[in-house]
Amino acid sequence: MEFRSKLVEGVGAFIHAKITGRYLFLLRNNTGSWPLTWALPGGKINHNETLITGLAREIQEELGGTIKNPELILLDNYASANGKFRYTTYYIEVDYEFVPELNDEHVGYAWLPLTALPRPLHPGVSRTLESEVVINKIYHTTTAGQVINVRV
């Protein structure tokens, strides 16, 4: 059995399209952890990477491009009970929905409103969206300012 002696850190992006008010979800492949669940773009931080450079790399790898000059808004910081895993989720707003060029980590994508979340959700995404604090941040950050009722 392998025991983690070092901290594993990850980062993800909750990407919102301003024009449609929808959010980008990625369907994980069937070979990795949490297969065939809907997740956000993101992943593990490499050695000597900051959260921001790691997020930019993950977006490049998983979506096939970059987001020019994103305003990153901290949504959530998760830390496991044993202190061996941390995950930071940022909110990023883009003007328009785009077609991502998925890598082999994902087999599909969807732009959806928070009122129609895809199933099954990755447990980390589900935990994040169950937080009233996170939902309030999303609500106060969206330019549309519409009321969001989320059922996870």
N, C-alpha and C. Protein backbone atom coordinates (compact mmCIF):
# COMPACT_ATOMS: atom_id res chain seq x y z
N MET A 1 0.84 -1.18 0.00
CA MET A 1 0.00 0.00 0.00
C MET A 1 0.89 1.24 0.00
N GLU A 2 0.53 2.20 -0.84
CA GLU A 2 1.31 3.43 -0.93
C GLU A 2 0.70 4.49 -0.03
N PHE A 3 1.55 5.15 0.75
CA PHE A 3 1.10 6.23 1.61
C PHE A 3 1.67 7.54 1.08
N ARG A 4 0.84 8.53 1.00
CA ARG A 4 1.30 9.85 0.56
C ARG A 4 2.00 10.54 1.72
N SER A 5 3.24 10.93 1.47
CA SER A 5 3.96 11.66 2.51
C SER A 5 3.97 13.15 2.22
N LYS A 6 3.68 13.52 0.97
CA LYS A 6 3.69 14.91 0.58
C LYS A 6 2.28 15.38 0.29
N LEU A 7 2.13 16.68 0.35
CA LEU A 7 0.87 17.29 -0.01
C LEU A 7 0.64 17.17 -1.51
N VAL A 8 -0.55 16.76 -1.90
CA VAL A 8 -0.96 16.77 -3.30
C VAL A 8 -1.92 17.95 -3.43
N GLU A 9 -1.61 18.83 -4.39
CA GLU A 9 -2.41 20.03 -4.56
C GLU A 9 -2.98 20.08 -5.97
N GLY A 10 -4.24 20.50 -6.06
CA GLY A 10 -4.89 20.62 -7.36
C GLY A 10 -5.60 21.95 -7.49
N VAL A 11 -5.99 22.24 -8.74
CA VAL A 11 -6.65 23.49 -9.03
C VAL A 11 -7.64 23.26 -10.17
N GLY A 12 -8.75 23.99 -10.13
CA GLY A 12 -9.74 23.86 -11.19
C GLY A 12 -10.42 25.18 -11.49
N ALA A 13 -11.16 25.19 -12.60
CA ALA A 13 -11.84 26.41 -13.05
C ALA A 13 -13.31 26.16 -13.29
N PHE A 14 -14.12 26.99 -12.71
CA PHE A 14 -15.55 27.02 -12.95
C PHE A 14 -15.75 28.11 -13.99
N ILE A 15 -15.90 27.71 -15.26
CA ILE A 15 -15.91 28.66 -16.37
C ILE A 15 -17.35 29.00 -16.76
N HIS A 16 -17.65 30.29 -16.75
CA HIS A 16 -18.99 30.81 -17.00
C HIS A 16 -18.99 31.62 -18.29
N ALA A 17 -19.94 31.33 -19.20
CA ALA A 17 -20.10 32.11 -20.43
C ALA A 17 -21.10 33.22 -20.17
N LYS A 18 -20.62 34.45 -20.26
CA LYS A 18 -21.44 35.62 -19.92
C LYS A 18 -22.70 35.71 -20.78
N ILE A 19 -22.57 35.50 -22.08
CA ILE A 19 -23.70 35.69 -23.00
C ILE A 19 -24.84 34.71 -22.73
N THR A 20 -24.51 33.44 -22.47
CA THR A 20 -25.56 32.42 -22.28
C THR A 20 -25.87 32.15 -20.81
N GLY A 21 -24.95 32.52 -19.91
CA GLY A 21 -25.15 32.24 -18.49
C GLY A 21 -24.91 30.78 -18.13
N ARG A 22 -24.27 30.04 -19.03
CA ARG A 22 -24.02 28.61 -18.77
C ARG A 22 -22.57 28.36 -18.36
N TYR A 23 -22.34 27.18 -17.78
CA TYR A 23 -21.05 26.79 -17.22
C TYR A 23 -20.52 25.56 -17.93
N LEU A 24 -19.19 25.47 -18.03
CA LEU A 24 -18.55 24.37 -18.73
C LEU A 24 -18.28 23.20 -17.79
N PHE A 25 -18.76 22.03 -18.20
CA PHE A 25 -18.49 20.78 -17.48
C PHE A 25 -17.83 19.81 -18.46
N LEU A 26 -16.91 19.00 -17.94
CA LEU A 26 -16.21 18.01 -18.75
C LEU A 26 -16.53 16.61 -18.25
N LEU A 27 -16.77 15.68 -19.17
CA LEU A 27 -17.04 14.29 -18.81
C LEU A 27 -15.73 13.52 -18.81
N ARG A 28 -15.34 13.03 -17.64
CA ARG A 28 -14.08 12.29 -17.49
C ARG A 28 -14.15 10.98 -18.27
N ASN A 29 -12.97 10.50 -18.70
CA ASN A 29 -12.95 9.22 -19.42
C ASN A 29 -13.24 8.06 -18.47
N ASN A 30 -13.25 6.85 -18.99
CA ASN A 30 -13.62 5.70 -18.16
C ASN A 30 -12.42 4.97 -17.57
N THR A 31 -11.21 5.54 -17.66
CA THR A 31 -10.04 4.83 -17.14
C THR A 31 -9.39 5.50 -15.93
N GLY A 32 -9.63 6.75 -15.71
CA GLY A 32 -9.00 7.47 -14.60
C GLY A 32 -9.80 7.36 -13.32
N SER A 33 -9.44 8.20 -12.37
CA SER A 33 -10.21 8.24 -11.12
C SER A 33 -11.58 8.87 -11.38
N TRP A 34 -12.56 8.45 -10.67
CA TRP A 34 -13.94 8.90 -10.81
C TRP A 34 -14.38 8.87 -12.29
N PRO A 35 -14.33 7.67 -12.90
CA PRO A 35 -14.64 7.55 -14.33
C PRO A 35 -16.08 7.96 -14.64
N LEU A 36 -16.23 8.56 -15.83
CA LEU A 36 -17.52 8.94 -16.39
C LEU A 36 -18.34 9.82 -15.45
N THR A 37 -17.65 10.70 -14.73
CA THR A 37 -18.34 11.71 -13.94
C THR A 37 -18.05 13.07 -14.56
N TRP A 38 -18.94 14.01 -14.31
CA TRP A 38 -18.80 15.36 -14.85
C TRP A 38 -17.97 16.20 -13.89
N ALA A 39 -16.94 16.83 -14.42
CA ALA A 39 -15.99 17.58 -13.60
C ALA A 39 -15.75 18.95 -14.23
N LEU A 40 -14.82 19.67 -13.63
CA LEU A 40 -14.38 20.98 -14.13
C LEU A 40 -12.99 20.83 -14.73
N PRO A 41 -12.60 21.73 -15.62
CA PRO A 41 -11.21 21.71 -16.08
C PRO A 41 -10.28 21.93 -14.90
N GLY A 42 -9.23 21.14 -14.83
CA GLY A 42 -8.27 21.29 -13.74
C GLY A 42 -7.54 20.00 -13.47
N GLY A 43 -6.68 20.04 -12.47
CA GLY A 43 -5.91 18.85 -12.12
C GLY A 43 -4.83 19.16 -11.10
N LYS A 44 -3.87 18.24 -11.02
CA LYS A 44 -2.79 18.36 -10.04
C LYS A 44 -1.79 19.43 -10.45
N ILE A 45 -1.25 20.08 -9.44
CA ILE A 45 -0.19 21.06 -9.62
C ILE A 45 1.14 20.31 -9.70
N ASN A 46 1.94 20.65 -10.69
CA ASN A 46 3.27 20.04 -10.83
C ASN A 46 4.26 20.70 -9.88
N HIS A 47 5.38 20.02 -9.66
CA HIS A 47 6.46 20.53 -8.81
C HIS A 47 6.90 21.90 -9.31
N ASN A 48 7.06 22.84 -8.42
CA ASN A 48 7.50 24.22 -8.72
C ASN A 48 6.50 25.01 -9.54
N GLU A 49 5.25 24.61 -9.56
CA GLU A 49 4.20 25.37 -10.25
C GLU A 49 3.37 26.12 -9.23
N THR A 50 2.94 27.31 -9.58
CA THR A 50 1.98 28.03 -8.73
C THR A 50 0.59 27.56 -9.11
N LEU A 51 -0.40 27.91 -8.30
CA LEU A 51 -1.78 27.58 -8.65
C LEU A 51 -2.16 28.18 -10.00
N ILE A 52 -1.75 29.40 -10.24
CA ILE A 52 -2.13 30.10 -11.47
C ILE A 52 -1.46 29.48 -12.70
N THR A 53 -0.17 29.19 -12.62
CA THR A 53 0.49 28.57 -13.77
C THR A 53 -0.02 27.15 -13.98
N GLY A 54 -0.33 26.46 -12.89
CA GLY A 54 -0.89 25.12 -13.01
C GLY A 54 -2.27 25.14 -13.66
N LEU A 55 -3.08 26.12 -13.28
CA LEU A 55 -4.42 26.25 -13.88
C LEU A 55 -4.31 26.58 -15.36
N ALA A 56 -3.39 27.48 -15.72
CA ALA A 56 -3.20 27.81 -17.14
C ALA A 56 -2.76 26.58 -17.93
N ARG A 57 -1.86 25.79 -17.37
CA ARG A 57 -1.41 24.56 -18.04
C ARG A 57 -2.57 23.58 -18.20
N GLU A 58 -3.36 23.39 -17.13
CA GLU A 58 -4.49 22.46 -17.20
C GLU A 58 -5.51 22.90 -18.24
N ILE A 59 -5.79 24.19 -18.31
CA ILE A 59 -6.72 24.71 -19.32
C ILE A 59 -6.17 24.44 -20.72
N GLN A 60 -4.89 24.66 -20.92
CA GLN A 60 -4.26 24.39 -22.21
C GLN A 60 -4.38 22.90 -22.56
N GLU A 61 -4.05 22.04 -21.60
CA GLU A 61 -4.07 20.60 -21.85
C GLU A 61 -5.49 20.07 -22.08
N GLU A 62 -6.43 20.49 -21.27
CA GLU A 62 -7.77 19.89 -21.29
C GLU A 62 -8.74 20.57 -22.24
N LEU A 63 -8.49 21.86 -22.56
CA LEU A 63 -9.42 22.59 -23.43
C LEU A 63 -8.79 22.97 -24.77
N GLY A 64 -7.48 22.78 -24.89
CA GLY A 64 -6.81 23.03 -26.16
C GLY A 64 -6.54 24.49 -26.46
N GLY A 65 -6.49 25.33 -25.46
CA GLY A 65 -6.22 26.75 -25.70
C GLY A 65 -6.00 27.50 -24.41
N THR A 66 -6.01 28.80 -24.52
CA THR A 66 -5.82 29.65 -23.35
C THR A 66 -7.02 30.58 -23.21
N ILE A 67 -7.18 31.10 -22.03
CA ILE A 67 -8.17 32.15 -21.78
C ILE A 67 -7.37 33.42 -21.58
N LYS A 68 -7.58 34.37 -22.45
CA LYS A 68 -6.79 35.60 -22.43
C LYS A 68 -7.15 36.47 -21.23
N ASN A 69 -6.15 36.83 -20.45
CA ASN A 69 -6.29 37.74 -19.31
C ASN A 69 -7.51 37.45 -18.43
N PRO A 70 -7.62 36.22 -17.93
CA PRO A 70 -8.80 35.92 -17.11
C PRO A 70 -8.73 36.63 -15.76
N GLU A 71 -9.89 37.06 -15.30
CA GLU A 71 -9.99 37.54 -13.92
C GLU A 71 -10.33 36.32 -13.09
N LEU A 72 -9.43 35.92 -12.23
CA LEU A 72 -9.64 34.74 -11.41
C LEU A 72 -10.26 35.15 -10.08
N ILE A 73 -11.38 34.55 -9.77
CA ILE A 73 -12.06 34.83 -8.50
C ILE A 73 -12.07 33.53 -7.71
N LEU A 74 -11.50 33.57 -6.53
CA LEU A 74 -11.43 32.38 -5.69
C LEU A 74 -12.84 31.97 -5.27
N LEU A 75 -13.21 30.73 -5.59
CA LEU A 75 -14.52 30.22 -5.18
C LEU A 75 -14.43 29.33 -3.96
N ASP A 76 -13.42 28.45 -3.94
CA ASP A 76 -13.42 27.42 -2.91
C ASP A 76 -11.99 26.92 -2.66
N ASN A 77 -11.71 26.66 -1.41
CA ASN A 77 -10.47 25.98 -0.99
C ASN A 77 -10.89 24.75 -0.20
N TYR A 78 -10.52 23.59 -0.69
CA TYR A 78 -10.83 22.35 0.00
C TYR A 78 -9.54 21.75 0.53
N ALA A 79 -9.59 21.24 1.75
CA ALA A 79 -8.46 20.52 2.33
C ALA A 79 -8.98 19.23 2.94
N SER A 80 -8.34 18.12 2.61
CA SER A 80 -8.76 16.83 3.16
C SER A 80 -8.50 16.80 4.67
N ALA A 81 -9.22 15.94 5.35
CA ALA A 81 -9.11 15.85 6.80
C ALA A 81 -7.70 15.46 7.24
N ASN A 82 -7.01 14.64 6.43
CA ASN A 82 -5.66 14.21 6.81
C ASN A 82 -4.58 15.21 6.39
N GLY A 83 -4.98 16.30 5.71
CA GLY A 83 -4.04 17.33 5.32
C GLY A 83 -3.14 16.97 4.15
N LYS A 84 -3.43 15.88 3.46
CA LYS A 84 -2.57 15.42 2.36
C LYS A 84 -3.04 15.90 0.99
N PHE A 85 -4.22 16.52 0.92
CA PHE A 85 -4.77 16.94 -0.37
C PHE A 85 -5.46 18.29 -0.22
N ARG A 86 -5.16 19.19 -1.14
CA ARG A 86 -5.83 20.49 -1.20
C ARG A 86 -6.25 20.75 -2.64
N TYR A 87 -7.41 21.38 -2.79
CA TYR A 87 -7.91 21.71 -4.12
C TYR A 87 -8.51 23.11 -4.08
N THR A 88 -8.10 23.95 -5.01
CA THR A 88 -8.56 25.33 -5.11
C THR A 88 -9.37 25.49 -6.39
N THR A 89 -10.55 26.05 -6.28
CA THR A 89 -11.41 26.27 -7.44
C THR A 89 -11.58 27.76 -7.66
N TYR A 90 -11.33 28.18 -8.90
CA TYR A 90 -11.50 29.57 -9.30
C TYR A 90 -12.69 29.70 -10.24
N TYR A 91 -13.30 30.87 -10.22
CA TYR A 91 -14.36 31.26 -11.16
C TYR A 91 -13.70 32.08 -12.26
N ILE A 92 -14.01 31.73 -13.51
CA ILE A 92 -13.52 32.50 -14.65
C ILE A 92 -14.71 32.79 -15.56
N GLU A 93 -14.85 34.03 -15.97
CA GLU A 93 -15.93 34.39 -16.89
C GLU A 93 -15.33 34.65 -18.26
N VAL A 94 -15.96 34.05 -19.28
CA VAL A 94 -15.60 34.30 -20.67
C VAL A 94 -16.82 34.92 -21.34
N ASP A 95 -16.62 35.62 -22.45
CA ASP A 95 -17.76 36.24 -23.13
C ASP A 95 -18.69 35.20 -23.75
N TYR A 96 -18.10 34.24 -24.47
CA TYR A 96 -18.89 33.29 -25.26
C TYR A 96 -18.53 31.85 -24.91
N GLU A 97 -19.47 30.97 -25.16
CA GLU A 97 -19.17 29.55 -25.10
C GLU A 97 -18.21 29.22 -26.23
N PHE A 98 -17.35 28.26 -26.01
CA PHE A 98 -16.40 27.82 -27.04
C PHE A 98 -16.43 26.30 -27.09
N VAL A 99 -15.90 25.75 -28.17
CA VAL A 99 -15.81 24.31 -28.32
C VAL A 99 -14.41 23.90 -27.88
N PRO A 100 -14.29 23.20 -26.76
CA PRO A 100 -12.97 22.80 -26.29
C PRO A 100 -12.40 21.66 -27.16
N GLU A 101 -11.09 21.66 -27.30
CA GLU A 101 -10.39 20.55 -27.94
C GLU A 101 -9.93 19.63 -26.82
N LEU A 102 -10.76 18.65 -26.50
CA LEU A 102 -10.52 17.79 -25.34
C LEU A 102 -9.31 16.89 -25.54
N ASN A 103 -8.56 16.67 -24.46
CA ASN A 103 -7.49 15.68 -24.51
C ASN A 103 -8.07 14.33 -24.11
N ASP A 104 -7.21 13.33 -23.93
CA ASP A 104 -7.70 11.98 -23.65
C ASP A 104 -8.24 11.78 -22.23
N GLU A 105 -8.16 12.81 -21.40
CA GLU A 105 -8.71 12.70 -20.04
C GLU A 105 -10.22 12.81 -20.01
N HIS A 106 -10.80 13.35 -21.10
CA HIS A 106 -12.24 13.59 -21.14
C HIS A 106 -12.84 13.07 -22.44
N VAL A 107 -14.11 12.67 -22.36
CA VAL A 107 -14.79 12.13 -23.54
C VAL A 107 -15.98 12.98 -23.96
N GLY A 108 -16.24 14.07 -23.26
CA GLY A 108 -17.34 14.94 -23.63
C GLY A 108 -17.33 16.23 -22.84
N TYR A 109 -18.16 17.16 -23.28
CA TYR A 109 -18.29 18.43 -22.58
C TYR A 109 -19.73 18.92 -22.73
N ALA A 110 -20.11 19.83 -21.86
CA ALA A 110 -21.44 20.44 -21.95
C ALA A 110 -21.39 21.81 -21.29
N TRP A 111 -22.08 22.76 -21.91
CA TRP A 111 -22.32 24.07 -21.31
C TRP A 111 -23.74 24.03 -20.76
N LEU A 112 -23.88 24.17 -19.45
CA LEU A 112 -25.17 24.00 -18.81
C LEU A 112 -25.41 25.08 -17.76
N PRO A 113 -26.70 25.40 -17.53
CA PRO A 113 -27.02 26.28 -16.41
C PRO A 113 -26.91 25.50 -15.10
N LEU A 114 -26.72 26.21 -14.01
CA LEU A 114 -26.62 25.52 -12.72
C LEU A 114 -27.93 24.86 -12.31
N THR A 115 -29.00 25.22 -12.96
CA THR A 115 -30.29 24.60 -12.65
C THR A 115 -30.46 23.26 -13.36
N ALA A 116 -29.50 22.87 -14.20
CA ALA A 116 -29.57 21.60 -14.92
C ALA A 116 -28.20 20.93 -14.89
N LEU A 117 -27.71 20.63 -13.70
CA LEU A 117 -26.38 20.04 -13.56
C LEU A 117 -26.33 18.65 -14.19
N PRO A 118 -25.19 18.29 -14.80
CA PRO A 118 -25.07 16.96 -15.39
C PRO A 118 -24.93 15.91 -14.30
N ARG A 119 -25.25 14.68 -14.64
CA ARG A 119 -25.16 13.56 -13.70
C ARG A 119 -24.38 12.42 -14.33
N PRO A 120 -23.60 11.71 -13.57
CA PRO A 120 -23.24 11.96 -12.18
C PRO A 120 -22.12 13.01 -12.09
N LEU A 121 -22.21 13.85 -11.08
CA LEU A 121 -21.17 14.85 -10.84
C LEU A 121 -19.98 14.21 -10.12
N HIS A 122 -18.80 14.67 -10.45
CA HIS A 122 -17.60 14.29 -9.70
C HIS A 122 -17.85 14.70 -8.25
N PRO A 123 -17.48 13.87 -7.28
CA PRO A 123 -17.76 14.21 -5.87
C PRO A 123 -17.19 15.55 -5.43
N GLY A 124 -16.04 15.94 -5.93
CA GLY A 124 -15.46 17.23 -5.56
C GLY A 124 -16.29 18.40 -6.06
N VAL A 125 -16.80 18.28 -7.29
CA VAL A 125 -17.66 19.33 -7.85
C VAL A 125 -18.96 19.39 -7.06
N SER A 126 -19.50 18.23 -6.76
CA SER A 126 -20.74 18.17 -5.98
C SER A 126 -20.55 18.84 -4.62
N ARG A 127 -19.44 18.53 -3.94
CA ARG A 127 -19.17 19.12 -2.63
C ARG A 127 -19.06 20.64 -2.74
N THR A 128 -18.37 21.11 -3.77
CA THR A 128 -18.21 22.55 -3.97
C THR A 128 -19.56 23.23 -4.17
N LEU A 129 -20.41 22.63 -5.02
CA LEU A 129 -21.70 23.25 -5.33
C LEU A 129 -22.74 23.08 -4.22
N GLU A 130 -22.45 22.26 -3.24
CA GLU A 130 -23.34 22.15 -2.08
C GLU A 130 -23.09 23.28 -1.08
N SER A 131 -22.02 24.02 -1.27
CA SER A 131 -21.66 25.10 -0.35
C SER A 131 -22.47 26.35 -0.64
N GLU A 132 -23.20 26.80 0.34
CA GLU A 132 -23.97 28.04 0.19
C GLU A 132 -23.05 29.23 -0.04
N VAL A 133 -21.87 29.19 0.57
CA VAL A 133 -20.89 30.26 0.39
C VAL A 133 -20.47 30.33 -1.08
N VAL A 134 -20.18 29.19 -1.68
CA VAL A 134 -19.78 29.15 -3.09
C VAL A 134 -20.90 29.64 -3.99
N ILE A 135 -22.12 29.15 -3.77
CA ILE A 135 -23.25 29.58 -4.59
C ILE A 135 -23.47 31.08 -4.47
N ASN A 136 -23.32 31.63 -3.28
CA ASN A 136 -23.45 33.09 -3.10
C ASN A 136 -22.36 33.84 -3.85
N LYS A 137 -21.13 33.32 -3.84
CA LYS A 137 -20.04 33.95 -4.59
C LYS A 137 -20.37 33.93 -6.08
N ILE A 138 -20.86 32.80 -6.58
CA ILE A 138 -21.21 32.69 -8.00
C ILE A 138 -22.32 33.68 -8.32
N TYR A 139 -23.33 33.72 -7.50
CA TYR A 139 -24.45 34.63 -7.73
C TYR A 139 -23.98 36.08 -7.77
N HIS A 140 -23.14 36.47 -6.85
CA HIS A 140 -22.69 37.87 -6.78
C HIS A 140 -21.64 38.20 -7.84
N THR A 141 -21.08 37.17 -8.47
CA THR A 141 -20.04 37.38 -9.48
C THR A 141 -20.63 37.43 -10.89
N THR A 142 -21.69 36.69 -11.14
CA THR A 142 -22.24 36.65 -12.49
C THR A 142 -22.77 38.02 -12.88
N THR A 143 -22.50 38.40 -14.11
CA THR A 143 -22.93 39.72 -14.56
C THR A 143 -24.45 39.77 -14.73
N ALA A 144 -25.05 38.63 -15.02
CA ALA A 144 -26.50 38.62 -15.20
C ALA A 144 -27.21 38.81 -13.87
N GLY A 145 -26.61 38.29 -12.79
CA GLY A 145 -27.19 38.46 -11.46
C GLY A 145 -28.50 37.73 -11.27
N GLN A 146 -28.74 36.69 -12.08
CA GLN A 146 -29.99 35.95 -11.95
C GLN A 146 -29.96 35.09 -10.69
N VAL A 147 -31.13 34.76 -10.20
CA VAL A 147 -31.24 33.92 -9.03
C VAL A 147 -30.91 32.49 -9.44
N ILE A 148 -30.07 31.84 -8.66
CA ILE A 148 -29.64 30.48 -8.97
C ILE A 148 -30.13 29.55 -7.87
N ASN A 149 -30.92 28.57 -8.24
CA ASN A 149 -31.34 27.52 -7.31
C ASN A 149 -30.66 26.24 -7.75
N VAL A 150 -29.73 25.74 -6.94
CA VAL A 150 -28.93 24.57 -7.31
C VAL A 150 -29.38 23.37 -6.52
N ARG A 151 -29.60 22.28 -7.21
CA ARG A 151 -29.87 20.98 -6.56
C ARG A 151 -28.75 20.04 -6.94
N VAL A 152 -27.96 19.66 -5.96
CA VAL A 152 -26.82 18.76 -6.23
C VAL A 152 -27.26 17.34 -5.95
